[in-house]
Amino acid sequence: MAGYEKPDFWTLKAKKEGYPARSVYKLEEIVAKFGLLKSAGSQDQAAGKAGPKVLDIGAAPGSWSLWLLRKLAGRGSLAAVDIQDLGVSPSDANFSFVKGSILDEGIRARLRDVGPYSLVVSDAAPSTTGNRLVDQARSEELVESVMDLALQLLSPGGSLVMKIFQSGEEKRLIGQLKTRFSQARAYKPEACRAQSFETYIIAMGYNSKQ
């Protein structure tokens, strides 16, 4: 993606609040609007668990993980995965980080061992080329990999959040998700830059038996 000349409101807010990136406010808005942590907590309480299990895919530089840990406040657990190291080092007993690609079966197995999860979130994006068609295709491929993994790792009733570059293909993906979730839709948070062509796919109410 092209560089941006000066920090905007969200970038300055992130710096003030100790987050590596402004993307944290996209997650904050999505979680609040759709009640994702409340829903996850209800699921786990009903199952007799201490709190929600959350998986953060494409976690670097770590803003989403840091925000989630602050919201969990010692309840439940958070696992994060990325091919890069995180820019933060949370000292939380309920946090685990796996370095590697979600395409690697060994990495997937490690994530399965920690799961299942009531919420899977992904702000993962491909390396961009500046060619919009190429970048959209790469994003779609990455989202399909995240979807495939999430369907293996989510607990019944769970929710999924994924970033995608808008191309029209998100409609097809949402259609696929609606066969496995009670709800699925696209949503663009306020913190997304106006010139950005990213949006998010949110799916809720996972049905593991289909």
C-alpha atoms as a PDB file:
ATOM      1  CA  MET A   1       0.000   0.000   0.000  1.00  0.00           C
ATOM      2  CA  ALA A   2       1.201   3.524  -0.640  1.00  0.00           C
ATOM      3  CA  GLY A   3       2.794   5.467   2.184  1.00  0.00           C
ATOM      4  CA  TYR A   4       0.911   8.218   3.996  1.00  0.00           C
ATOM      5  CA  GLU A   5       2.451  11.637   4.496  1.00  0.00           C
ATOM      6  CA  LYS A   6       1.458  12.504   8.051  1.00  0.00           C
ATOM      7  CA  PRO A   7      -0.091  10.781  11.074  1.00  0.00           C
ATOM      8  CA  ASP A   8      -3.876  11.057  11.230  1.00  0.00           C
ATOM      9  CA  PHE A   9      -6.160  11.088  14.274  1.00  0.00           C
ATOM     10  CA  TRP A  10      -6.126   7.302  14.640  1.00  0.00           C
ATOM     11  CA  THR A  11      -2.339   7.019  14.311  1.00  0.00           C
ATOM     12  CA  LEU A  12      -1.799   9.650  17.006  1.00  0.00           C
ATOM     13  CA  LYS A  13      -4.401   8.012  19.242  1.00  0.00           C
ATOM     14  CA  ALA A  14      -2.675   4.628  18.874  1.00  0.00           C
ATOM     15  CA  LYS A  15       0.686   6.116  19.827  1.00  0.00           C
ATOM     16  CA  LYS A  16      -0.827   7.824  22.866  1.00  0.00           C
ATOM     17  CA  GLU A  17      -2.506   4.622  24.044  1.00  0.00           C
ATOM     18  CA  GLY A  18       0.555   2.430  23.510  1.00  0.00           C
ATOM     19  CA  TYR A  19      -0.455   0.479  20.386  1.00  0.00           C
ATOM     20  CA  PRO A  20       2.007  -0.171  17.530  1.00  0.00           C
ATOM     21  CA  ALA A  21      -0.574   0.530  14.798  1.00  0.00           C
ATOM     22  CA  ARG A  22      -3.819   2.417  14.185  1.00  0.00           C
ATOM     23  CA  SER A  23      -5.515  -0.781  13.008  1.00  0.00           C
ATOM     24  CA  VAL A  24      -6.444  -1.492  16.628  1.00  0.00           C
ATOM     25  CA  TYR A  25      -9.414   0.870  16.352  1.00  0.00           C
ATOM     26  CA  LYS A  26     -10.850  -1.112  13.457  1.00  0.00           C
ATOM     27  CA  LEU A  27     -11.004  -4.168  15.705  1.00  0.00           C
ATOM     28  CA  GLU A  28     -12.353  -2.141  18.613  1.00  0.00           C
ATOM     29  CA  GLU A  29     -15.239  -0.839  16.483  1.00  0.00           C
ATOM     30  CA  ILE A  30     -16.032  -4.261  14.999  1.00  0.00           C
ATOM     31  CA  VAL A  31     -16.029  -6.020  18.379  1.00  0.00           C
ATOM     32  CA  ALA A  32     -18.254  -3.333  19.914  1.00  0.00           C
ATOM     33  CA  LYS A  33     -20.710  -3.162  17.007  1.00  0.00           C
ATOM     34  CA  PHE A  34     -21.227  -6.914  16.755  1.00  0.00           C
ATOM     35  CA  GLY A  35     -20.761  -7.803  20.441  1.00  0.00           C
ATOM     36  CA  LEU A  36     -18.138 -10.394  19.577  1.00  0.00           C
ATOM     37  CA  LEU A  37     -16.378 -10.710  22.929  1.00  0.00           C
ATOM     38  CA  LYS A  38     -19.684 -10.673  24.800  1.00  0.00           C
ATOM     39  CA  SER A  39     -20.943 -13.445  22.554  1.00  0.00           C
ATOM     40  CA  ALA A  40     -17.715 -15.418  22.965  1.00  0.00           C
ATOM     41  CA  GLY A  41     -17.850 -15.002  26.737  1.00  0.00           C
ATOM     42  CA  SER A  42     -21.436 -16.268  26.863  1.00  0.00           C
ATOM     43  CA  GLN A  43     -20.469 -19.362  24.873  1.00  0.00           C
ATOM     44  CA  ASP A  44     -17.584 -20.209  27.131  1.00  0.00           C
ATOM     45  CA  GLN A  45     -19.513 -19.513  30.312  1.00  0.00           C
ATOM     46  CA  ALA A  46     -22.206 -21.927  29.129  1.00  0.00           C
ATOM     47  CA  ALA A  47     -19.500 -24.520  28.466  1.00  0.00           C
ATOM     48  CA  GLY A  48     -18.088 -24.047  31.973  1.00  0.00           C
ATOM     49  CA  LYS A  49     -14.893 -22.316  30.786  1.00  0.00           C
ATOM     50  CA  ALA A  50     -13.178 -19.400  32.518  1.00  0.00           C
ATOM     51  CA  GLY A  51     -13.417 -17.085  29.525  1.00  0.00           C
ATOM     52  CA  PRO A  52     -13.216 -16.890  25.748  1.00  0.00           C
ATOM     53  CA  LYS A  53     -10.423 -18.415  23.706  1.00  0.00           C
ATOM     54  CA  VAL A  54      -9.377 -16.056  20.923  1.00  0.00           C
ATOM     55  CA  LEU A  55      -7.011 -16.559  17.970  1.00  0.00           C
ATOM     56  CA  ASP A  56      -5.321 -13.581  16.272  1.00  0.00           C
ATOM     57  CA  ILE A  57      -4.065 -14.517  12.778  1.00  0.00           C
ATOM     58  CA  GLY A  58      -1.514 -12.223  11.126  1.00  0.00           C
ATOM     59  CA  ALA A  59      -0.958 -10.612  14.505  1.00  0.00           C
ATOM     60  CA  ALA A  60       2.173  -8.498  13.832  1.00  0.00           C
ATOM     61  CA  PRO A  61       2.942  -5.834  14.885  1.00  0.00           C
ATOM     62  CA  GLY A  62       0.693  -6.795  17.804  1.00  0.00           C
ATOM     63  CA  SER A  63      -1.909  -4.051  18.244  1.00  0.00           C
ATOM     64  CA  TRP A  64      -4.883  -6.394  17.959  1.00  0.00           C
ATOM     65  CA  SER A  65      -3.325  -8.883  20.397  1.00  0.00           C
ATOM     66  CA  LEU A  66      -2.516  -6.150  22.896  1.00  0.00           C
ATOM     67  CA  TRP A  67      -6.057  -4.750  22.727  1.00  0.00           C
ATOM     68  CA  LEU A  68      -7.616  -8.195  23.073  1.00  0.00           C
ATOM     69  CA  LEU A  69      -5.504  -8.996  26.128  1.00  0.00           C
ATOM     70  CA  ARG A  70      -6.542  -5.721  27.736  1.00  0.00           C
ATOM     71  CA  LYS A  71     -10.211  -6.529  27.049  1.00  0.00           C
ATOM     72  CA  LEU A  72      -9.907 -10.105  28.290  1.00  0.00           C
ATOM     73  CA  ALA A  73      -8.360  -8.771  31.507  1.00  0.00           C
ATOM     74  CA  GLY A  74      -7.088 -12.146  32.666  1.00  0.00           C
ATOM     75  CA  ARG A  75     -10.129 -14.148  31.569  1.00  0.00           C
ATOM     76  CA  GLY A  76      -9.833 -16.776  28.871  1.00  0.00           C
ATOM     77  CA  SER A  77      -6.787 -16.906  26.615  1.00  0.00           C
ATOM     78  CA  LEU A  78      -5.327 -15.480  23.431  1.00  0.00           C
ATOM     79  CA  ALA A  79      -3.158 -17.211  20.852  1.00  0.00           C
ATOM     80  CA  ALA A  80      -1.465 -15.218  18.084  1.00  0.00           C
ATOM     81  CA  VAL A  81       0.296 -16.321  14.912  1.00  0.00           C
ATOM     82  CA  ASP A  82       2.367 -14.491  12.297  1.00  0.00           C
ATOM     83  CA  ILE A  83       5.339 -15.100  10.017  1.00  0.00           C
ATOM     84  CA  GLN A  84       6.972 -12.043  11.625  1.00  0.00           C
ATOM     85  CA  ASP A  85       7.861 -11.316  15.242  1.00  0.00           C
ATOM     86  CA  LEU A  86       5.474  -9.130  17.196  1.00  0.00           C
ATOM     87  CA  GLY A  87       6.462  -5.572  18.027  1.00  0.00           C
ATOM     88  CA  VAL A  88       5.121  -6.053  21.550  1.00  0.00           C
ATOM     89  CA  SER A  89       5.944  -8.620  24.244  1.00  0.00           C
ATOM     90  CA  PRO A  90       2.849  -9.106  26.424  1.00  0.00           C
ATOM     91  CA  SER A  91       3.766 -10.628  29.792  1.00  0.00           C
ATOM     92  CA  ASP A  92       0.478 -12.445  30.188  1.00  0.00           C
ATOM     93  CA  ALA A  93       0.203 -16.080  31.263  1.00  0.00           C
ATOM     94  CA  ASN A  94      -2.889 -16.450  29.076  1.00  0.00           C
ATOM     95  CA  PHE A  95      -1.050 -15.364  25.910  1.00  0.00           C
ATOM     96  CA  SER A  96       0.869 -17.562  23.469  1.00  0.00           C
ATOM     97  CA  PHE A  97       2.575 -16.623  20.211  1.00  0.00           C
ATOM     98  CA  VAL A  98       3.346 -19.011  17.369  1.00  0.00           C
ATOM     99  CA  LYS A  99       5.767 -17.787  14.702  1.00  0.00           C
ATOM    100  CA  GLY A 100       5.135 -19.235  11.264  1.00  0.00           C
ATOM    101  CA  SER A 101       2.753 -19.494   8.333  1.00  0.00           C
ATOM    102  CA  ILE A 102      -0.812 -20.765   8.700  1.00  0.00           C
ATOM    103  CA  LEU A 103      -0.152 -22.712   5.486  1.00  0.00           C
ATOM    104  CA  ASP A 104       2.359 -24.852   7.388  1.00  0.00           C
ATOM    105  CA  GLU A 105       0.663 -27.986   8.751  1.00  0.00           C
ATOM    106  CA  GLY A 106       2.947 -27.986  11.788  1.00  0.00           C
ATOM    107  CA  ILE A 107       1.813 -24.473  12.684  1.00  0.00           C
ATOM    108  CA  ARG A 108      -1.836 -25.404  12.127  1.00  0.00           C
ATOM    109  CA  ALA A 109      -1.415 -28.414  14.417  1.00  0.00           C
ATOM    110  CA  ARG A 110       0.017 -26.224  17.193  1.00  0.00           C
ATOM    111  CA  LEU A 111      -2.939 -23.850  16.880  1.00  0.00           C
ATOM    112  CA  ARG A 112      -5.374 -26.773  16.974  1.00  0.00           C
ATOM    113  CA  ASP A 113      -3.732 -27.997  20.182  1.00  0.00           C
ATOM    114  CA  VAL A 114      -4.508 -24.672  21.881  1.00  0.00           C
ATOM    115  CA  GLY A 115      -8.065 -24.416  20.500  1.00  0.00           C
ATOM    116  CA  PRO A 116     -10.927 -24.614  19.829  1.00  0.00           C
ATOM    117  CA  TYR A 117     -11.603 -20.881  19.756  1.00  0.00           C
ATOM    118  CA  SER A 118     -14.803 -18.924  20.246  1.00  0.00           C
ATOM    119  CA  LEU A 119     -13.418 -15.999  18.217  1.00  0.00           C
ATOM    120  CA  VAL A 120     -10.904 -15.934  15.347  1.00  0.00           C
ATOM    121  CA  VAL A 121      -9.716 -12.554  14.049  1.00  0.00           C
ATOM    122  CA  SER A 122      -7.410 -11.791  11.147  1.00  0.00           C
ATOM    123  CA  ASP A 123      -5.953  -8.465  10.038  1.00  0.00           C
ATOM    124  CA  ALA A 124      -3.552 -10.366   7.764  1.00  0.00           C
ATOM    125  CA  ALA A 125      -2.744  -8.770   4.420  1.00  0.00           C
ATOM    126  CA  PRO A 126      -0.473  -9.893   1.594  1.00  0.00           C
ATOM    127  CA  SER A 127       2.674  -8.078   0.525  1.00  0.00           C
ATOM    128  CA  THR A 128       1.373  -5.436  -1.854  1.00  0.00           C
ATOM    129  CA  THR A 129       2.722  -4.656  -5.327  1.00  0.00           C
ATOM    130  CA  GLY A 130       0.852  -1.465  -6.181  1.00  0.00           C
ATOM    131  CA  ASN A 131      -1.043  -3.399  -8.871  1.00  0.00           C
ATOM    132  CA  ARG A 132      -4.594  -3.424  -7.544  1.00  0.00           C
ATOM    133  CA  LEU A 133      -5.695  -6.576  -9.384  1.00  0.00           C
ATOM    134  CA  VAL A 134      -2.675  -8.529  -8.180  1.00  0.00           C
ATOM    135  CA  ASP A 135      -3.105  -7.286  -4.615  1.00  0.00           C
ATOM    136  CA  GLN A 136      -6.818  -8.148  -4.622  1.00  0.00           C
ATOM    137  CA  ALA A 137      -6.091 -11.668  -5.869  1.00  0.00           C
ATOM    138  CA  ARG A 138      -3.435 -12.181  -3.195  1.00  0.00           C
ATOM    139  CA  SER A 139      -5.794 -10.904  -0.507  1.00  0.00           C
ATOM    140  CA  GLU A 140      -8.569 -13.237  -1.659  1.00  0.00           C
ATOM    141  CA  GLU A 141      -6.178 -16.205  -1.567  1.00  0.00           C
ATOM    142  CA  LEU A 142      -5.052 -15.292   1.956  1.00  0.00           C
ATOM    143  CA  VAL A 143      -8.633 -14.883   3.180  1.00  0.00           C
ATOM    144  CA  GLU A 144      -9.550 -18.309   1.814  1.00  0.00           C
ATOM    145  CA  SER A 145      -6.625 -19.799   3.782  1.00  0.00           C
ATOM    146  CA  VAL A 146      -7.812 -18.044   6.951  1.00  0.00           C
ATOM    147  CA  MET A 147     -11.368 -19.282   6.344  1.00  0.00           C
ATOM    148  CA  ASP A 148     -10.177 -22.840   5.850  1.00  0.00           C
ATOM    149  CA  LEU A 149      -8.232 -22.772   9.107  1.00  0.00           C
ATOM    150  CA  ALA A 150     -10.998 -21.035  11.078  1.00  0.00           C
ATOM    151  CA  LEU A 151     -13.529 -23.690  10.073  1.00  0.00           C
ATOM    152  CA  GLN A 152     -11.225 -26.269  11.651  1.00  0.00           C
ATOM    153  CA  LEU A 153     -10.579 -24.300  14.828  1.00  0.00           C
ATOM    154  CA  LEU A 154     -13.820 -22.542  15.792  1.00  0.00           C
ATOM    155  CA  SER A 155     -16.076 -23.922  18.483  1.00  0.00           C
ATOM    156  CA  PRO A 156     -19.843 -24.134  17.793  1.00  0.00           C
ATOM    157  CA  GLY A 157     -21.431 -20.674  17.820  1.00  0.00           C
ATOM    158  CA  GLY A 158     -18.048 -18.999  17.256  1.00  0.00           C
ATOM    159  CA  SER A 159     -17.301 -15.834  15.270  1.00  0.00           C
ATOM    160  CA  LEU A 160     -14.778 -14.887  12.584  1.00  0.00           C
ATOM    161  CA  VAL A 161     -13.358 -11.510  11.487  1.00  0.00           C
ATOM    162  CA  MET A 162     -11.133 -11.200   8.384  1.00  0.00           C
ATOM    163  CA  LYS A 163      -9.663  -8.302   6.413  1.00  0.00           C
ATOM    164  CA  ILE A 164      -9.995  -8.410   2.627  1.00  0.00           C
ATOM    165  CA  PHE A 165      -9.176  -6.033  -0.222  1.00  0.00           C
ATOM    166  CA  GLN A 166     -12.451  -5.183  -1.953  1.00  0.00           C
ATOM    167  CA  SER A 167     -12.807  -6.702  -5.418  1.00  0.00           C
ATOM    168  CA  GLY A 168     -16.350  -8.044  -5.570  1.00  0.00           C
ATOM    169  CA  GLU A 169     -15.126 -11.500  -4.551  1.00  0.00           C
ATOM    170  CA  GLU A 170     -16.034 -10.777  -0.948  1.00  0.00           C
ATOM    171  CA  LYS A 171     -19.680 -11.342  -1.946  1.00  0.00           C
ATOM    172  CA  ARG A 172     -18.857 -14.907  -3.004  1.00  0.00           C
ATOM    173  CA  LEU A 173     -16.939 -15.536   0.203  1.00  0.00           C
ATOM    174  CA  ILE A 174     -19.790 -14.171   2.314  1.00  0.00           C
ATOM    175  CA  GLY A 175     -22.136 -16.520   0.465  1.00  0.00           C
ATOM    176  CA  GLN A 176     -19.901 -19.448   1.394  1.00  0.00           C
ATOM    177  CA  LEU A 177     -19.761 -18.338   5.013  1.00  0.00           C
ATOM    178  CA  LYS A 178     -23.542 -18.130   5.223  1.00  0.00           C
ATOM    179  CA  THR A 179     -23.686 -21.892   4.682  1.00  0.00           C
ATOM    180  CA  ARG A 180     -21.656 -22.395   7.885  1.00  0.00           C
ATOM    181  CA  PHE A 181     -22.589 -19.370  10.010  1.00  0.00           C
ATOM    182  CA  SER A 182     -25.944 -17.937  11.034  1.00  0.00           C
ATOM    183  CA  GLN A 183     -24.832 -14.462   9.854  1.00  0.00           C
ATOM    184  CA  ALA A 184     -22.131 -13.115   7.544  1.00  0.00           C
ATOM    185  CA  ARG A 185     -21.558  -9.635   6.101  1.00  0.00           C
ATOM    186  CA  ALA A 186     -18.970  -7.052   5.091  1.00  0.00           C
ATOM    187  CA  TYR A 187     -18.250  -4.036   7.267  1.00  0.00           C
ATOM    188  CA  LYS A 188     -15.831  -1.118   6.864  1.00  0.00           C
ATOM    189  CA  PRO A 189     -14.850   0.486  10.188  1.00  0.00           C
ATOM    190  CA  GLU A 190     -14.521   4.244  10.548  1.00  0.00           C
ATOM    191  CA  ALA A 191     -10.783   3.932  11.241  1.00  0.00           C
ATOM    192  CA  CYS A 192     -10.116   2.599   7.710  1.00  0.00           C
ATOM    193  CA  ARG A 193      -8.456   5.280   5.610  1.00  0.00           C
ATOM    194  CA  ALA A 194     -10.865   6.884   3.144  1.00  0.00           C
ATOM    195  CA  GLN A 195      -8.635   5.956   0.179  1.00  0.00           C
ATOM    196  CA  SER A 196      -8.169   2.360   1.343  1.00  0.00           C
ATOM    197  CA  PHE A 197      -9.942  -0.464  -0.518  1.00  0.00           C
ATOM    198  CA  GLU A 198      -9.862  -2.798   2.483  1.00  0.00           C
ATOM    199  CA  THR A 199     -12.969  -3.982   4.272  1.00  0.00           C
ATOM    200  CA  TYR A 200     -13.757  -6.686   6.802  1.00  0.00           C
ATOM    201  CA  ILE A 201     -15.868  -9.824   6.650  1.00  0.00           C
ATOM    202  CA  ILE A 202     -17.672 -10.708   9.866  1.00  0.00           C
ATOM    203  CA  ALA A 203     -19.323 -14.108  10.378  1.00  0.00           C
ATOM    204  CA  MET A 204     -21.175 -15.151  13.544  1.00  0.00           C
ATOM    205  CA  GLY A 205     -22.860 -18.270  14.854  1.00  0.00           C
ATOM    206  CA  TYR A 206     -20.627 -21.031  13.494  1.00  0.00           C
ATOM    207  CA  ASN A 207     -22.327 -24.351  12.802  1.00  0.00           C
ATOM    208  CA  SER A 208     -19.629 -27.019  13.043  1.00  0.00           C
ATOM    209  CA  LYS A 209     -21.938 -29.867  11.958  1.00  0.00           C
ATOM    210  CA  GLN A 210     -22.556 -28.780   8.367  1.00  0.00           C
END
